[in-house]
């Protein structure tokens, strides 16, 4: 999943469910949603910052602190892990174990019928030799999120 998707999906959810969204809150959420991909500059992507061993304590500390910005940052971080769970694997207890899990959902249709396939993926994250981001249709999603921000927060 690319940065536009990671930023846009939780932002649209925030705008939809928050009674009083703010620019600062949206920014904190977006920064949190992008934060886990900083581990792409480590030896392997989806490592430390994709681990629940780091994300859940950060969420609890943010909740205890009472800071809405810290809480939104940590919610953005957790949303990133949730979304990556559907586009590969996340190693929930990294660095204790590199093994990751994810879910693959495939819908099929055609002359022979339709079907839905759901399977659990279990493997190790791929080591990164270089980091490349492909942005395609997610630009349209980002434009939608920016438009919604402007309309909702104007």
Protein backbone atom coordinates (compact mmCIF):
# COMPACT_ATOMS: atom_id res chain seq x y z
CA UNK A 1 0.00 0.00 0.00
CA UNK A 2 1.39 3.40 -0.89
CA UNK A 3 1.57 6.57 1.26
CA UNK A 4 -1.46 8.18 -0.40
CA UNK A 5 -3.65 5.23 0.57
CA UNK A 6 -2.20 5.04 4.07
CA UNK A 7 -2.90 8.75 4.60
CA UNK A 8 -6.26 9.00 2.80
CA UNK A 9 -8.19 6.05 4.25
CA UNK A 10 -7.87 6.98 7.96
CA UNK A 11 -8.35 10.68 7.10
CA UNK A 12 -11.66 9.94 5.39
CA UNK A 13 -12.71 7.81 8.38
CA UNK A 14 -11.71 10.62 10.77
CA UNK A 15 -13.75 13.15 8.82
CA UNK A 16 -16.73 10.79 8.72
CA UNK A 17 -16.88 9.87 12.42
CA UNK A 18 -15.39 12.85 14.29
CA UNK A 19 -17.85 15.37 15.70
CA UNK A 20 -15.27 18.16 15.60
CA UNK A 21 -12.38 17.32 13.25
CA UNK A 22 -9.49 19.78 13.15
CA UNK A 23 -6.57 20.45 10.82
CA UNK A 24 -4.17 19.57 13.65
CA UNK A 25 -6.00 16.32 14.33
CA UNK A 26 -5.95 15.39 10.65
CA UNK A 27 -2.24 16.19 10.43
CA UNK A 28 -1.44 14.07 13.51
CA UNK A 29 -3.45 11.18 12.06
CA UNK A 30 -1.74 11.44 8.66
CA UNK A 31 1.74 11.59 10.21
CA UNK A 32 0.93 8.53 12.32
CA UNK A 33 -0.40 6.69 9.29
CA UNK A 34 2.84 7.34 7.38
CA UNK A 35 5.21 6.80 10.32
CA UNK A 36 5.55 2.96 10.14
CA UNK A 37 7.03 3.09 6.65
CA UNK A 38 10.13 4.80 8.03
CA UNK A 39 11.35 1.27 8.76
CA UNK A 40 11.69 0.88 4.98
CA UNK A 41 15.06 2.58 5.44
CA UNK A 42 16.16 -0.26 7.75
CA UNK A 43 17.46 -3.63 6.59
CA UNK A 44 13.95 -4.92 6.12
CA UNK A 45 10.65 -3.18 5.63
CA UNK A 46 7.75 -4.14 7.89
CA UNK A 47 9.94 -4.67 10.90
CA UNK A 48 10.10 -2.61 14.11
CA UNK A 49 7.51 0.02 13.24
CA UNK A 50 5.12 -2.63 11.91
CA UNK A 51 5.23 -4.58 15.18
CA UNK A 52 2.42 -4.50 17.72
CA UNK A 53 5.12 -4.68 20.41
CA UNK A 54 5.85 -1.03 19.61
CA UNK A 55 2.50 0.25 18.29
CA UNK A 56 0.25 -0.94 21.14
CA UNK A 57 2.34 0.56 23.98
CA UNK A 58 2.51 3.83 22.00
CA UNK A 59 -1.29 3.77 21.73
CA UNK A 60 -1.69 3.10 25.46
CA UNK A 61 0.73 5.89 26.38
CA UNK A 62 -1.08 8.28 24.05
CA UNK A 63 -4.41 7.31 25.59
CA UNK A 64 -3.09 7.78 29.13
CA UNK A 65 -1.48 11.13 28.24
CA UNK A 66 -4.84 12.56 27.24
CA UNK A 67 -3.30 14.36 24.26
CA UNK A 68 -5.72 14.18 21.33
CA UNK A 69 -2.84 14.64 18.89
CA UNK A 70 -0.80 11.80 20.38
CA UNK A 71 -3.89 9.60 20.33
CA UNK A 72 -4.65 10.43 16.69
CA UNK A 73 -1.00 9.80 15.77
CA UNK A 74 -1.15 6.36 17.39
CA UNK A 75 -4.51 5.60 15.75
CA UNK A 76 -2.94 6.51 12.40
CA UNK A 77 -0.05 4.14 13.20
CA UNK A 78 -2.46 1.30 14.03
CA UNK A 79 -4.51 2.01 10.90
CA UNK A 80 -1.32 1.55 8.86
CA UNK A 81 -0.77 -1.90 10.40
CA UNK A 82 -4.41 -2.82 9.84
CA UNK A 83 -4.22 -1.85 6.16
CA UNK A 84 -0.88 -3.62 5.66
CA UNK A 85 -2.43 -6.77 7.13
CA UNK A 86 -4.53 -6.91 3.94
CA UNK A 87 -1.67 -6.17 1.52
CA UNK A 88 1.03 -8.51 2.77
CA UNK A 89 2.17 -9.51 6.23
CA UNK A 90 2.92 -7.72 9.47
CA UNK A 91 5.23 -9.27 12.08
CA UNK A 92 3.22 -8.67 15.28
CA UNK A 93 6.03 -9.45 17.75
CA UNK A 94 9.08 -8.24 15.81
CA UNK A 95 11.99 -8.40 16.88
CA UNK A 96 11.12 -11.48 18.96
CA UNK A 97 10.01 -13.17 15.76
CA UNK A 98 10.27 -12.06 12.14
CA UNK A 99 7.31 -14.24 11.14
CA UNK A 100 4.41 -12.20 9.84
CA UNK A 101 0.74 -12.78 9.14
CA UNK A 102 -1.76 -11.25 6.78
CA UNK A 103 -5.04 -11.95 5.01
CA UNK A 104 -5.52 -12.41 1.29
CA UNK A 105 -9.04 -11.86 -0.06
CA UNK A 106 -9.72 -12.68 -3.71
CA UNK A 107 -13.04 -12.23 -5.52
CA UNK A 108 -13.60 -14.02 -8.82
CA UNK A 109 -16.31 -13.82 -11.40
CA UNK A 110 -16.86 -15.10 -14.88
CA UNK A 111 -18.80 -17.52 -17.01
CA UNK A 112 -18.00 -20.40 -14.67
CA UNK A 113 -19.41 -18.58 -11.64
CA UNK A 114 -18.38 -16.28 -8.87
CA UNK A 115 -16.43 -16.92 -5.71
CA UNK A 116 -14.70 -15.38 -2.77
CA UNK A 117 -11.47 -16.78 -1.40
CA UNK A 118 -10.08 -15.79 1.99
CA UNK A 119 -6.81 -17.20 3.25
CA UNK A 120 -4.32 -16.48 6.00
CA UNK A 121 -0.80 -15.67 4.80
CA UNK A 122 2.12 -16.66 7.00
CA UNK A 123 5.66 -15.80 5.95
CA UNK A 124 8.62 -13.61 6.72
CA UNK A 125 8.69 -10.02 5.45
CA UNK A 126 10.79 -9.56 2.32
CA UNK A 127 14.21 -7.99 2.84
CA UNK A 128 14.49 -4.63 1.09
CA UNK A 129 17.33 -3.97 -1.26
CA UNK A 130 15.83 -0.71 -2.44
CA UNK A 131 12.66 1.15 -1.61
CA UNK A 132 10.27 2.01 -4.42
CA UNK A 133 6.80 3.49 -4.18
CA UNK A 134 4.30 3.03 -6.97
CA UNK A 135 1.39 5.44 -6.91
CA UNK A 136 -1.40 4.82 -9.32
CA UNK A 137 -5.09 5.10 -8.65
CA UNK A 138 -4.36 6.14 -5.09
CA UNK A 139 -3.77 9.70 -6.34
CA UNK A 140 -7.52 9.92 -6.96
CA UNK A 141 -8.13 8.73 -3.39
CA UNK A 142 -5.74 11.40 -2.09
CA UNK A 143 -7.54 14.10 -4.09
CA UNK A 144 -10.85 12.91 -2.64
CA UNK A 145 -9.42 13.03 0.90
CA UNK A 146 -7.98 16.53 0.39
CA UNK A 147 -11.30 17.73 -1.05
CA UNK A 148 -13.18 16.24 1.91
CA UNK A 149 -10.73 17.91 4.34
CA UNK A 150 -11.23 21.30 2.71
CA UNK A 151 -15.03 20.99 2.64
CA UNK A 152 -15.40 19.54 6.15
CA UNK A 153 -12.89 21.85 7.84
CA UNK A 154 -13.69 25.06 5.95
